[in-house]
Amino acid sequence: MMLKEQIEGILHDNSILKRAVAIQNECQKEFDERNQELQHLKQLAAQYQEQRRTLEINNFALSMHLETSPAKQLIPGRFHSDVF
């Protein structure tokens, strides 16, 4: 009788531990998925920062080109009213 109670207690503890391990595995799986998503988002952020930097450089180069263009010297601050 005493052995039967000990076995039942051990089986109960075993089932509790199995549920705990299943819960831990699920939490680990969610963590891994979120971590993978975070890494992907970090990669996208780096790509967008590089793209923004390239666009800023291009914008600066175009503004410098516009500032030094001969057409700017032909058009002072006001535009001809027939054109606009």
Protein backbone atom coordinates (compact mmCIF):
# COMPACT_ATOMS: atom_id res chain seq x y z
CA MET A 1 0.00 0.00 0.00
CA MET A 2 2.81 2.39 0.91
CA LEU A 3 4.63 1.64 -2.36
CA LYS A 4 1.44 2.26 -4.30
CA GLU A 5 1.07 5.72 -2.72
CA GLN A 6 4.70 6.54 -3.46
CA ILE A 7 4.27 5.44 -7.09
CA GLU A 8 1.12 7.55 -7.42
CA GLY A 9 2.98 10.54 -5.95
CA ILE A 10 5.89 10.00 -8.31
CA LEU A 11 3.54 9.69 -11.30
CA HIS A 12 1.76 12.87 -10.25
CA ASP A 13 5.08 14.71 -9.91
CA ASN A 14 6.14 13.30 -13.27
CA SER A 15 3.01 14.62 -14.99
CA ILE A 16 3.55 18.05 -13.42
CA LEU A 17 7.15 18.08 -14.63
CA LYS A 18 6.06 17.03 -18.12
CA ARG A 19 3.61 19.94 -18.27
CA ALA A 20 6.30 22.32 -17.00
CA VAL A 21 8.73 21.14 -19.68
CA ALA A 22 6.03 21.53 -22.36
CA ILE A 23 5.33 25.08 -21.18
CA GLN A 24 9.05 25.89 -21.16
CA ASN A 25 9.43 24.49 -24.68
CA GLU A 26 6.53 26.64 -25.89
CA CYS A 27 8.03 29.74 -24.27
CA GLN A 28 11.42 28.97 -25.84
CA LYS A 29 9.78 28.52 -29.24
CA GLU A 30 8.02 31.90 -28.95
CA PHE A 31 11.26 33.53 -27.81
CA ASP A 32 13.15 32.08 -30.78
CA GLU A 33 10.47 33.29 -33.21
CA ARG A 34 10.49 36.79 -31.74
CA ASN A 35 14.27 36.87 -31.74
CA GLN A 36 14.32 35.86 -35.41
CA GLU A 37 11.78 38.59 -36.21
CA LEU A 38 13.87 41.12 -34.27
CA GLN A 39 16.99 40.18 -36.24
CA HIS A 40 15.05 40.58 -39.48
CA LEU A 41 13.78 44.01 -38.42
CA LYS A 42 17.29 45.09 -37.42
CA GLN A 43 18.52 44.07 -40.86
CA LEU A 44 15.71 46.03 -42.52
CA ALA A 45 16.48 49.07 -40.37
CA ALA A 46 20.15 48.93 -41.42
CA GLN A 47 19.16 48.69 -45.08
CA TYR A 48 16.78 51.63 -44.76
CA GLN A 49 19.41 53.72 -42.98
CA GLU A 50 21.87 53.03 -45.80
CA GLN A 51 19.22 53.88 -48.37
CA ARG A 52 18.40 57.12 -46.53
CA ARG A 53 22.09 58.02 -46.40
CA THR A 54 22.43 57.42 -50.14
CA LEU A 55 19.36 59.55 -50.84
CA GLU A 56 20.69 62.37 -48.65
CA ILE A 57 23.99 62.31 -50.53
CA ASN A 58 22.18 62.34 -53.88
CA ASN A 59 19.95 65.17 -52.69
CA PHE A 60 22.98 67.20 -51.60
CA ALA A 61 24.75 66.55 -54.91
CA LEU A 62 21.67 67.61 -56.88
CA SER A 63 21.24 70.78 -54.82
CA MET A 64 24.90 71.66 -55.37
CA HIS A 65 24.50 70.99 -59.07
CA LEU A 66 21.44 73.24 -59.15
CA GLU A 67 23.24 75.99 -57.25
CA THR A 68 26.12 76.01 -59.70
CA SER A 69 24.08 75.55 -62.87
CA PRO A 70 24.13 78.31 -65.49
CA ALA A 71 20.32 78.27 -65.62
CA LYS A 72 20.17 79.70 -62.10
CA GLN A 73 22.07 82.75 -63.26
CA LEU A 74 19.55 83.30 -66.04
CA ILE A 75 16.59 83.15 -63.66
CA PRO A 76 16.92 85.63 -60.83
CA GLY A 77 14.65 85.38 -57.81
CA ARG A 78 11.46 86.02 -59.82
CA PHE A 79 10.05 83.90 -62.61
CA HIS A 80 8.58 85.34 -65.77
CA SER A 81 4.81 85.66 -65.34
CA ASP A 82 4.08 84.21 -68.80
CA VAL A 83 5.84 80.98 -67.90
CA PHE A 84 3.97 80.39 -64.65
